[in-house]
Amino acid sequence: MTTDAQAKAHLHRYLQSAREALLWKLEGLSEYEVRRPLTPTGTNLLGLVKHVAGTEAGYLGDVFGRPFPEPLPWMAEDAEANADMWARPDESREDIVGLYHRVWEHSDATVEALELGATGEVPWWHPDRRQVTLEQILIHMIAEAHRHAGHADIVRELVDGAAGMKQGNENLPSTDTEWWKAHYERLEAAAKEADQG
């Protein structure tokens, strides 16, 4: 039988793996490459990190009466739309990554201090769903962080072709460029064939 401490450790491990995967996607890229919008809605690598940092600060801070001590103006109600999804020129990569690390420390202190059944309130959720537990919010943040790490996977591949889950565990077939080219062409041919019905 799993204890609360074991369950908390499992949940924390999954959250931490998403955090690390998201930051790994920035490695080896220029300032332009980490900021470059690669979808029609402007999705970019550094913006994803900024967004997840702000989101985690809210869910594992404010929700449990433990507000993150630094101001996050892009998360304020009166902030410009989508301000949390991109980095201004005066917001350095080091600033945003450093902020994310500080958010981790703050969030981890919340997780350490509270039991999984500890309750909090999410003021930005519908009133019928605002009352939550730490366990519920940990699961929510795991889903949120992994969702955006998945976005980062795709954006990074669009930037320079790098792919994989994390360094040392890419979770991809161990093959060469020619194999991927043939695989891509096979999928393209299958899509065209299916389209012709």
Protein backbone atom coordinates (compact mmCIF):
# COMPACT_ATOMS: atom_id res chain seq x y z
CA MET A 1 0.00 0.00 0.00
CA THR A 2 1.29 3.45 -0.96
CA THR A 3 1.64 5.99 1.82
CA ASP A 4 0.89 9.69 1.37
CA ALA A 5 4.63 10.40 1.53
CA GLN A 6 5.30 7.87 -1.23
CA ALA A 7 2.44 9.21 -3.36
CA LYS A 8 3.72 12.76 -2.86
CA ALA A 9 7.24 11.67 -3.88
CA HIS A 10 5.87 10.00 -7.04
CA LEU A 11 3.87 13.08 -7.99
CA HIS A 12 6.83 15.36 -7.33
CA ARG A 13 9.09 13.17 -9.50
CA TYR A 14 6.70 13.47 -12.46
CA LEU A 15 6.48 17.23 -12.02
CA GLN A 16 10.25 17.54 -11.81
CA SER A 17 10.77 15.47 -14.96
CA ALA A 18 8.51 17.85 -16.90
CA ARG A 19 10.34 20.89 -15.50
CA GLU A 20 13.71 19.49 -16.55
CA ALA A 21 12.47 18.43 -20.00
CA LEU A 22 11.12 21.91 -20.64
CA LEU A 23 14.42 23.59 -19.74
CA TRP A 24 16.46 21.07 -21.73
CA LYS A 25 14.75 22.32 -24.89
CA LEU A 26 16.53 25.69 -24.47
CA GLU A 27 20.03 24.22 -24.39
CA GLY A 28 22.42 25.08 -27.20
CA LEU A 29 20.16 27.67 -28.83
CA SER A 30 20.70 31.36 -29.51
CA GLU A 31 18.58 34.13 -28.01
CA TYR A 32 16.72 34.40 -31.29
CA GLU A 33 16.06 30.67 -31.46
CA VAL A 34 14.61 30.41 -27.94
CA ARG A 35 12.31 33.40 -28.61
CA ARG A 36 11.39 32.77 -32.24
CA PRO A 37 7.63 32.30 -32.80
CA LEU A 38 7.06 29.09 -34.74
CA THR A 39 3.28 28.78 -34.85
CA PRO A 40 0.61 31.23 -36.00
CA THR A 41 -0.19 31.88 -32.31
CA GLY A 42 3.45 32.70 -31.54
CA THR A 43 4.47 29.61 -29.57
CA ASN A 44 8.15 29.85 -28.63
CA LEU A 45 10.45 28.03 -26.24
CA LEU A 46 11.28 30.79 -23.76
CA GLY A 47 7.65 31.88 -23.63
CA LEU A 48 6.64 28.35 -22.66
CA VAL A 49 9.06 28.43 -19.74
CA LYS A 50 7.81 31.87 -18.65
CA HIS A 51 4.20 30.68 -18.84
CA VAL A 52 4.79 27.50 -16.84
CA ALA A 53 6.78 29.41 -14.20
CA GLY A 54 3.90 31.84 -13.71
CA THR A 55 1.29 29.10 -13.70
CA GLU A 56 3.16 27.01 -11.16
CA ALA A 57 3.71 30.04 -8.92
CA GLY A 58 -0.05 30.52 -8.84
CA TYR A 59 -1.14 26.93 -8.37
CA LEU A 60 1.49 25.87 -5.84
CA GLY A 61 1.65 29.26 -4.15
CA ASP A 62 -1.45 31.46 -4.16
CA VAL A 63 -3.90 28.56 -4.13
CA PHE A 64 -2.54 27.42 -0.74
CA GLY A 65 -2.09 30.85 0.81
CA ARG A 66 1.64 30.77 0.13
CA PRO A 67 2.12 33.46 -2.54
CA PHE A 68 5.32 33.50 -4.52
CA PRO A 69 7.27 36.48 -3.12
CA GLU A 70 8.26 38.08 -6.44
CA PRO A 71 5.90 40.12 -8.62
CA LEU A 72 4.88 38.47 -11.90
CA PRO A 73 3.26 41.38 -13.78
CA TRP A 74 2.50 39.24 -16.84
CA MET A 75 0.16 37.13 -14.68
CA ALA A 76 -1.83 40.11 -13.32
CA GLU A 77 -5.48 40.49 -14.28
CA ASP A 78 -4.72 43.73 -16.12
CA ALA A 79 -1.70 42.34 -18.02
CA GLU A 80 -1.59 42.47 -21.80
CA ALA A 81 -3.20 39.42 -23.39
CA ASN A 82 -0.70 36.58 -23.79
CA ALA A 83 2.05 38.51 -21.96
CA ASP A 84 3.09 35.29 -20.21
CA MET A 85 3.76 33.45 -23.49
CA TRP A 86 6.76 35.44 -24.76
CA ALA A 87 9.84 37.18 -23.43
CA ARG A 88 10.41 40.89 -23.98
CA PRO A 89 13.92 41.87 -25.16
CA ASP A 90 14.74 43.12 -21.64
CA GLU A 91 13.79 39.75 -20.09
CA SER A 92 16.88 37.59 -20.48
CA ARG A 93 16.91 33.83 -20.77
CA GLU A 94 18.90 33.76 -17.52
CA ASP A 95 16.24 35.87 -15.78
CA ILE A 96 13.40 33.58 -16.87
CA VAL A 97 15.23 30.32 -16.19
CA GLY A 98 16.37 31.69 -12.82
CA LEU A 99 12.79 32.66 -12.02
CA TYR A 100 11.59 29.18 -12.93
CA HIS A 101 14.16 27.64 -10.58
CA ARG A 102 13.02 29.96 -7.77
CA VAL A 103 9.40 28.99 -8.46
CA TRP A 104 10.44 25.32 -8.15
CA GLU A 105 11.99 25.99 -4.75
CA HIS A 106 8.88 27.82 -3.57
CA SER A 107 6.55 25.14 -4.94
CA ASP A 108 8.64 22.35 -3.48
CA ALA A 109 8.46 24.03 -0.07
CA THR A 110 4.66 24.09 -0.39
CA VAL A 111 4.59 20.40 -1.31
CA GLU A 112 6.92 19.55 1.58
CA ALA A 113 4.93 21.58 4.12
CA LEU A 114 1.46 20.28 3.26
CA GLU A 115 -0.28 16.91 3.27
CA LEU A 116 -1.79 15.68 0.00
CA GLY A 117 -5.25 16.27 1.48
CA ALA A 118 -4.50 19.90 2.40
CA THR A 119 -7.09 22.21 0.89
CA GLY A 120 -6.77 25.37 -1.09
CA GLU A 121 -8.85 27.58 -3.34
CA VAL A 122 -8.32 28.41 -7.02
CA PRO A 123 -9.96 31.84 -7.33
CA TRP A 124 -9.79 31.85 -11.13
CA TRP A 125 -11.77 28.59 -11.45
CA HIS A 126 -15.57 28.30 -11.54
CA PRO A 127 -17.01 28.61 -8.01
CA ASP A 128 -18.26 25.01 -8.09
CA ARG A 129 -14.70 23.72 -8.57
CA ARG A 130 -12.57 26.19 -6.62
CA GLN A 131 -12.02 24.05 -3.52
CA VAL A 132 -9.07 21.74 -4.22
CA THR A 133 -6.51 19.53 -2.51
CA LEU A 134 -2.74 19.56 -2.88
CA GLU A 135 -2.98 16.17 -4.58
CA GLN A 136 -5.40 17.53 -7.18
CA ILE A 137 -3.20 20.56 -7.88
CA LEU A 138 -0.05 18.46 -8.17
CA ILE A 139 -1.80 16.33 -10.78
CA HIS A 140 -3.01 19.49 -12.52
CA MET A 141 0.52 20.95 -12.59
CA ILE A 142 2.00 17.69 -13.86
CA ALA A 143 -0.49 17.75 -16.74
CA GLU A 144 0.18 21.44 -17.38
CA ALA A 145 3.97 21.12 -17.33
CA HIS A 146 4.03 17.98 -19.50
CA ARG A 147 1.58 19.54 -21.97
CA HIS A 148 3.91 22.48 -22.48
CA ALA A 149 7.01 20.27 -22.52
CA GLY A 150 5.30 18.50 -25.43
CA HIS A 151 4.81 21.84 -27.15
CA ALA A 152 8.51 22.53 -26.57
CA ASP A 153 9.40 19.17 -28.15
CA ILE A 154 7.72 20.18 -31.37
CA VAL A 155 8.96 23.77 -31.37
CA ARG A 156 12.55 22.64 -30.75
CA GLU A 157 12.32 20.19 -33.64
CA LEU A 158 11.12 23.04 -35.85
CA VAL A 159 14.05 25.23 -34.72
CA ASP A 160 16.94 22.85 -35.39
CA GLY A 161 15.67 19.29 -35.80
CA ALA A 162 16.58 18.24 -32.24
CA ALA A 163 14.03 15.82 -30.80
CA GLY A 164 13.55 13.63 -27.78
CA MET A 165 12.21 13.53 -24.27
CA LYS A 166 15.34 14.46 -22.32
CA GLN A 167 19.08 14.22 -22.56
CA GLY A 168 20.19 10.64 -22.10
CA ASN A 169 16.66 9.32 -22.61
CA GLU A 170 15.51 10.67 -25.96
CA ASN A 171 12.76 8.00 -26.13
CA LEU A 172 13.20 7.75 -29.91
CA PRO A 173 14.41 4.91 -32.12
CA SER A 174 18.18 4.82 -32.24
CA THR A 175 18.51 5.53 -35.95
CA ASP A 176 20.21 7.87 -38.35
CA THR A 177 19.08 10.80 -40.50
CA GLU A 178 18.43 8.61 -43.53
CA TRP A 179 16.06 6.42 -41.54
CA TRP A 180 14.07 9.49 -40.43
CA LYS A 181 13.97 10.84 -43.98
CA ALA A 182 12.59 7.52 -45.28
CA HIS A 183 10.13 7.37 -42.38
CA TYR A 184 8.89 10.90 -43.13
CA GLU A 185 8.46 10.10 -46.83
CA ARG A 186 6.56 6.90 -45.97
CA LEU A 187 4.15 8.85 -43.76
CA GLU A 188 3.68 11.53 -46.42
CA ALA A 189 2.86 8.85 -49.03
CA ALA A 190 0.43 7.14 -46.65
CA ALA A 191 -1.34 10.46 -45.95
CA LYS A 192 -1.73 11.19 -49.65
CA GLU A 193 -2.99 7.68 -50.34
CA ALA A 194 -5.56 7.92 -47.53
CA ASP A 195 -6.68 11.32 -48.80
CA GLN A 196 -7.37 9.90 -52.26
CA GLY A 197 -9.58 7.38 -50.58
